Amino acid sequence: MRHIVQAMAILIDDLALSNDEKAFLMDQLRRPLDIDSLVNLAQDKEQAVEALCCVTDGY
């Protein structure tokens, strides 16, 4: 997972964002994932199951 965050940092550096905006994105990427919040964003049961499966399968 660490290599994914490092790759994202490189991509974020290339975006036209302020340093504060880039720092915010990096902070969000480093936070532990709140699975319940992710599933609650789903608009229907199929999306909720898909989100849960992706997270638990390591995607």
PDB file of N, CA and C in Angstrom:
ATOM      1  N   MET A   1       0.822  -1.190   0.000  1.00  0.00           N
ATOM      2  CA  MET A   1       0.000   0.000   0.000  1.00  0.00           C
ATOM      3  C   MET A   1       0.866   1.254   0.000  1.00  0.00           C
ATOM      4  N   ARG A   2       2.011   1.175   0.646  1.00  0.00           N
ATOM      5  CA  ARG A   2       2.882   2.342   0.727  1.00  0.00           C
ATOM      6  C   ARG A   2       3.330   2.805  -0.658  1.00  0.00           C
ATOM      7  N   HIS A   3       3.624   1.855  -1.549  1.00  0.00           N
ATOM      8  CA  HIS A   3       4.060   2.227  -2.893  1.00  0.00           C
ATOM      9  C   HIS A   3       2.953   2.923  -3.673  1.00  0.00           C
ATOM     10  N   ILE A   4       1.705   2.593  -3.366  1.00  0.00           N
ATOM     11  CA  ILE A   4       0.573   3.262  -4.020  1.00  0.00           C
ATOM     12  C   ILE A   4       0.511   4.719  -3.580  1.00  0.00           C
ATOM     13  N   VAL A   5       0.693   4.964  -2.289  1.00  0.00           N
ATOM     14  CA  VAL A   5       0.671   6.336  -1.776  1.00  0.00           C
ATOM     15  C   VAL A   5       1.827   7.134  -2.370  1.00  0.00           C
ATOM     16  N   GLN A   6       2.985   6.514  -2.513  1.00  0.00           N
ATOM     17  CA  GLN A   6       4.126   7.212  -3.109  1.00  0.00           C
ATOM     18  C   GLN A   6       3.853   7.564  -4.569  1.00  0.00           C
ATOM     19  N   ALA A   7       3.231   6.654  -5.304  1.00  0.00           N
ATOM     20  CA  ALA A   7       2.886   6.931  -6.697  1.00  0.00           C
ATOM     21  C   ALA A   7       1.850   8.051  -6.782  1.00  0.00           C
ATOM     22  N   MET A   8       0.891   8.027  -5.864  1.00  0.00           N
ATOM     23  CA  MET A   8      -0.118   9.097  -5.833  1.00  0.00           C
ATOM     24  C   MET A   8       0.524  10.438  -5.523  1.00  0.00           C
ATOM     25  N   ALA A   9       1.525  10.461  -4.668  1.00  0.00           N
ATOM     26  CA  ALA A   9       2.217  11.708  -4.320  1.00  0.00           C
ATOM     27  C   ALA A   9       2.862  12.316  -5.558  1.00  0.00           C
ATOM     28  N   ILE A  10       3.436  11.489  -6.395  1.00  0.00           N
ATOM     29  CA  ILE A  10       4.051  11.978  -7.634  1.00  0.00           C
ATOM     30  C   ILE A  10       2.988  12.577  -8.545  1.00  0.00           C
ATOM     31  N   LEU A  11       1.860  11.899  -8.672  1.00  0.00           N
ATOM     32  CA  LEU A  11       0.778  12.413  -9.509  1.00  0.00           C
ATOM     33  C   LEU A  11       0.192  13.706  -8.941  1.00  0.00           C
ATOM     34  N   ILE A  12       0.027  13.761  -7.635  1.00  0.00           N
ATOM     35  CA  ILE A  12      -0.529  14.950  -6.993  1.00  0.00           C
ATOM     36  C   ILE A  12       0.398  16.144  -7.179  1.00  0.00           C
ATOM     37  N   ASP A  13       1.696  15.910  -7.135  1.00  0.00           N
ATOM     38  CA  ASP A  13       2.660  17.000  -7.337  1.00  0.00           C
ATOM     39  C   ASP A  13       2.481  17.665  -8.702  1.00  0.00           C
ATOM     40  N   ASP A  14       2.028  16.903  -9.686  1.00  0.00           N
ATOM     41  CA  ASP A  14       1.851  17.435 -11.035  1.00  0.00           C
ATOM     42  C   ASP A  14       0.545  18.209 -11.221  1.00  0.00           C
ATOM     43  N   LEU A  15      -0.357  18.142 -10.245  1.00  0.00           N
ATOM     44  CA  LEU A  15      -1.636  18.843 -10.352  1.00  0.00           C
ATOM     45  C   LEU A  15      -1.466  20.334 -10.056  1.00  0.00           C
ATOM     46  N   ALA A  16      -2.332  21.125 -10.634  1.00  0.00           N
ATOM     47  CA  ALA A  16      -2.309  22.576 -10.408  1.00  0.00           C
ATOM     48  C   ALA A  16      -3.051  22.894  -9.113  1.00  0.00           C
ATOM     49  N   LEU A  17      -2.458  22.503  -7.992  1.00  0.00           N
ATOM     50  CA  LEU A  17      -3.060  22.720  -6.677  1.00  0.00           C
ATOM     51  C   LEU A  17      -2.089  23.497  -5.800  1.00  0.00           C
ATOM     52  N   SER A  18      -2.652  24.183  -4.812  1.00  0.00           N
ATOM     53  CA  SER A  18      -1.792  24.871  -3.846  1.00  0.00           C
ATOM     54  C   SER A  18      -1.121  23.831  -2.952  1.00  0.00           C
ATOM     55  N   ASN A  19      -0.103  24.251  -2.240  1.00  0.00           N
ATOM     56  CA  ASN A  19       0.573  23.331  -1.315  1.00  0.00           C
ATOM     57  C   ASN A  19      -0.384  22.831  -0.241  1.00  0.00           C
ATOM     58  N   ASP A  20      -1.287  23.696   0.229  1.00  0.00           N
ATOM     59  CA  ASP A  20      -2.269  23.270   1.233  1.00  0.00           C
ATOM     60  C   ASP A  20      -3.207  22.208   0.672  1.00  0.00           C
ATOM     61  N   GLU A  21      -3.635  22.377  -0.560  1.00  0.00           N
ATOM     62  CA  GLU A  21      -4.524  21.390  -1.184  1.00  0.00           C
ATOM     63  C   GLU A  21      -3.806  20.052  -1.382  1.00  0.00           C
ATOM     64  N   LYS A  22      -2.560  20.114  -1.803  1.00  0.00           N
ATOM     65  CA  LYS A  22      -1.776  18.884  -1.961  1.00  0.00           C
ATOM     66  C   LYS A  22      -1.566  18.188  -0.616  1.00  0.00           C
ATOM     67  N   ALA A  23      -1.290  18.968   0.411  1.00  0.00           N
ATOM     68  CA  ALA A  23      -1.098  18.398   1.750  1.00  0.00           C
ATOM     69  C   ALA A  23      -2.379  17.733   2.233  1.00  0.00           C
ATOM     70  N   PHE A  24      -3.526  18.369   1.967  1.00  0.00           N
ATOM     71  CA  PHE A  24      -4.811  17.796   2.362  1.00  0.00           C
ATOM     72  C   PHE A  24      -5.020  16.444   1.693  1.00  0.00           C
ATOM     73  N   LEU A  25      -4.771  16.366   0.390  1.00  0.00           N
ATOM     74  CA  LEU A  25      -4.925  15.098  -0.325  1.00  0.00           C
ATOM     75  C   LEU A  25      -4.019  14.015   0.245  1.00  0.00           C
ATOM     76  N   MET A  26      -2.769  14.361   0.503  1.00  0.00           N
ATOM     77  CA  MET A  26      -1.839  13.379   1.051  1.00  0.00           C
ATOM     78  C   MET A  26      -2.273  12.923   2.441  1.00  0.00           C
ATOM     79  N   ASP A  27      -2.768  13.849   3.262  1.00  0.00           N
ATOM     80  CA  ASP A  27      -3.269  13.476   4.582  1.00  0.00           C
ATOM     81  C   ASP A  27      -4.429  12.496   4.461  1.00  0.00           C
ATOM     82  N   GLN A  28      -5.318  12.744   3.508  1.00  0.00           N
ATOM     83  CA  GLN A  28      -6.467  11.861   3.319  1.00  0.00           C
ATOM     84  C   GLN A  28      -6.026  10.469   2.859  1.00  0.00           C
ATOM     85  N   LEU A  29      -5.015  10.412   2.004  1.00  0.00           N
ATOM     86  CA  LEU A  29      -4.526   9.118   1.525  1.00  0.00           C
ATOM     87  C   LEU A  29      -3.874   8.301   2.635  1.00  0.00           C
ATOM     88  N   ARG A  30      -3.287   8.987   3.592  1.00  0.00           N
ATOM     89  CA  ARG A  30      -2.590   8.285   4.681  1.00  0.00           C
ATOM     90  C   ARG A  30      -3.531   7.834   5.805  1.00  0.00           C
ATOM     91  N   ARG A  31      -4.731   8.379   5.840  1.00  0.00           N
ATOM     92  CA  ARG A  31      -5.680   8.018   6.898  1.00  0.00           C
ATOM     93  C   ARG A  31      -6.174   6.586   6.719  1.00  0.00           C
ATOM     94  N   PRO A  32      -6.475   5.935   7.829  1.00  0.00           N
ATOM     95  CA  PRO A  32      -7.093   4.603   7.715  1.00  0.00           C
ATOM     96  C   PRO A  32      -8.462   4.734   7.034  1.00  0.00           C
ATOM     97  N   LEU A  33      -8.804   3.762   6.245  1.00  0.00           N
ATOM     98  CA  LEU A  33     -10.071   3.772   5.534  1.00  0.00           C
ATOM     99  C   LEU A  33     -11.212   3.433   6.484  1.00  0.00           C
ATOM    100  N   ASP A  34     -12.234   4.258   6.467  1.00  0.00           N
ATOM    101  CA  ASP A  34     -13.441   4.009   7.254  1.00  0.00           C
ATOM    102  C   ASP A  34     -14.430   3.276   6.344  1.00  0.00           C
ATOM    103  N   ILE A  35     -14.442   1.966   6.431  1.00  0.00           N
ATOM    104  CA  ILE A  35     -15.248   1.131   5.540  1.00  0.00           C
ATOM    105  C   ILE A  35     -16.728   1.445   5.682  1.00  0.00           C
ATOM    106  N   ASP A  36     -17.199   1.657   6.898  1.00  0.00           N
ATOM    107  CA  ASP A  36     -18.620   1.959   7.103  1.00  0.00           C
ATOM    108  C   ASP A  36     -19.027   3.234   6.366  1.00  0.00           C
ATOM    109  N   SER A  37     -18.197   4.260   6.437  1.00  0.00           N
ATOM    110  CA  SER A  37     -18.505   5.513   5.735  1.00  0.00           C
ATOM    111  C   SER A  37     -18.519   5.303   4.230  1.00  0.00           C
ATOM    112  N   LEU A  38     -17.578   4.514   3.731  1.00  0.00           N
ATOM    113  CA  LEU A  38     -17.528   4.233   2.302  1.00  0.00           C
ATOM    114  C   LEU A  38     -18.802   3.522   1.842  1.00  0.00           C
ATOM    115  N   VAL A  39     -19.203   2.510   2.562  1.00  0.00           N
ATOM    116  CA  VAL A  39     -20.400   1.750   2.199  1.00  0.00           C
ATOM    117  C   VAL A  39     -21.645   2.622   2.310  1.00  0.00           C
ATOM    118  N   ASN A  40     -21.681   3.516   3.297  1.00  0.00           N
ATOM    119  CA  ASN A  40     -22.844   4.396   3.460  1.00  0.00           C
ATOM    120  C   ASN A  40     -22.984   5.404   2.324  1.00  0.00           C
ATOM    121  N   LEU A  41     -21.920   5.660   1.567  1.00  0.00           N
ATOM    122  CA  LEU A  41     -21.999   6.562   0.417  1.00  0.00           C
ATOM    123  C   LEU A  41     -22.682   5.917  -0.785  1.00  0.00           C
ATOM    124  N   ALA A  42     -22.809   4.606  -0.754  1.00  0.00           N
ATOM    125  CA  ALA A  42     -23.417   3.898  -1.883  1.00  0.00           C
ATOM    126  C   ALA A  42     -24.872   4.322  -2.057  1.00  0.00           C
ATOM    127  N   GLN A  43     -25.289   4.397  -3.312  1.00  0.00           N
ATOM    128  CA  GLN A  43     -26.652   4.806  -3.624  1.00  0.00           C
ATOM    129  C   GLN A  43     -27.635   3.633  -3.627  1.00  0.00           C
ATOM    130  N   ASP A  44     -27.114   2.430  -3.665  1.00  0.00           N
ATOM    131  CA  ASP A  44     -27.985   1.259  -3.593  1.00  0.00           C
ATOM    132  C   ASP A  44     -27.179   0.078  -3.033  1.00  0.00           C
ATOM    133  N   LYS A  45     -27.854  -1.035  -2.817  1.00  0.00           N
ATOM    134  CA  LYS A  45     -27.200  -2.190  -2.209  1.00  0.00           C
ATOM    135  C   LYS A  45     -26.079  -2.755  -3.090  1.00  0.00           C
ATOM    136  N   GLU A  46     -26.272  -2.721  -4.403  1.00  0.00           N
ATOM    137  CA  GLU A  46     -25.239  -3.247  -5.306  1.00  0.00           C
ATOM    138  C   GLU A  46     -23.943  -2.455  -5.172  1.00  0.00           C
ATOM    139  N   GLN A  47     -24.043  -1.128  -5.113  1.00  0.00           N
ATOM    140  CA  GLN A  47     -22.850  -0.308  -4.939  1.00  0.00           C
ATOM    141  C   GLN A  47     -22.188  -0.578  -3.591  1.00  0.00           C
ATOM    142  N   ALA A  48     -22.999  -0.764  -2.565  1.00  0.00           N
ATOM    143  CA  ALA A  48     -22.450  -1.028  -1.236  1.00  0.00           C
ATOM    144  C   ALA A  48     -21.666  -2.338  -1.229  1.00  0.00           C
ATOM    145  N   VAL A  49     -22.226  -3.366  -1.831  1.00  0.00           N
ATOM    146  CA  VAL A  49     -21.549  -4.663  -1.897  1.00  0.00           C
ATOM    147  C   VAL A  49     -20.274  -4.547  -2.728  1.00  0.00           C
ATOM    148  N   GLU A  50     -20.344  -3.843  -3.852  1.00  0.00           N
ATOM    149  CA  GLU A  50     -19.167  -3.670  -4.706  1.00  0.00           C
ATOM    150  C   GLU A  50     -18.051  -2.938  -3.956  1.00  0.00           C
ATOM    151  N   ALA A  51     -18.405  -1.877  -3.251  1.00  0.00           N
ATOM    152  CA  ALA A  51     -17.415  -1.114  -2.489  1.00  0.00           C
ATOM    153  C   ALA A  51     -16.778  -1.990  -1.405  1.00  0.00           C
ATOM    154  N   LEU A  52     -17.598  -2.718  -0.696  1.00  0.00           N
ATOM    155  CA  LEU A  52     -17.104  -3.586   0.363  1.00  0.00           C
ATOM    156  C   LEU A  52     -16.196  -4.684  -0.188  1.00  0.00           C
ATOM    157  N   CYS A  53     -16.590  -5.264  -1.314  1.00  0.00           N
ATOM    158  CA  CYS A  53     -15.765  -6.323  -1.927  1.00  0.00           C
ATOM    159  C   CYS A  53     -14.424  -5.778  -2.388  1.00  0.00           C
ATOM    160  N   CYS A  54     -14.419  -4.593  -2.999  1.00  0.00           N
ATOM    161  CA  CYS A  54     -13.157  -3.995  -3.477  1.00  0.00           C
ATOM    162  C   CYS A  54     -12.218  -3.723  -2.324  1.00  0.00           C
ATOM    163  N   VAL A  55     -12.755  -3.219  -1.218  1.00  0.00           N
ATOM    164  CA  VAL A  55     -11.920  -2.900  -0.066  1.00  0.00           C
ATOM    165  C   VAL A  55     -11.369  -4.160   0.574  1.00  0.00           C
ATOM    166  N   THR A  56     -12.194  -5.162   0.726  1.00  0.00           N
ATOM    167  CA  THR A  56     -11.741  -6.380   1.398  1.00  0.00           C
ATOM    168  C   THR A  56     -10.877  -7.254   0.497  1.00  0.00           C
ATOM    169  N   ASP A  57     -10.964  -7.057  -0.830  1.00  0.00           N
ATOM    170  CA  ASP A  57     -10.116  -7.809  -1.754  1.00  0.00           C
ATOM    171  C   ASP A  57      -8.768  -7.130  -1.967  1.00  0.00           C
ATOM    172  N   GLY A  58      -8.564  -5.963  -1.379  1.00  0.00           N
ATOM    173  CA  GLY A  58      -7.287  -5.294  -1.469  1.00  0.00           C
ATOM    174  C   GLY A  58      -7.098  -4.394  -2.672  1.00  0.00           C
ATOM    175  N   TYR A  59      -8.168  -4.002  -3.300  1.00  0.00           N
ATOM    176  CA  TYR A  59      -8.048  -3.099  -4.453  1.00  0.00           C
ATOM    177  C   TYR A  59      -7.837  -1.711  -4.000  1.00  0.00           C
TER     178      TYR A  59
END
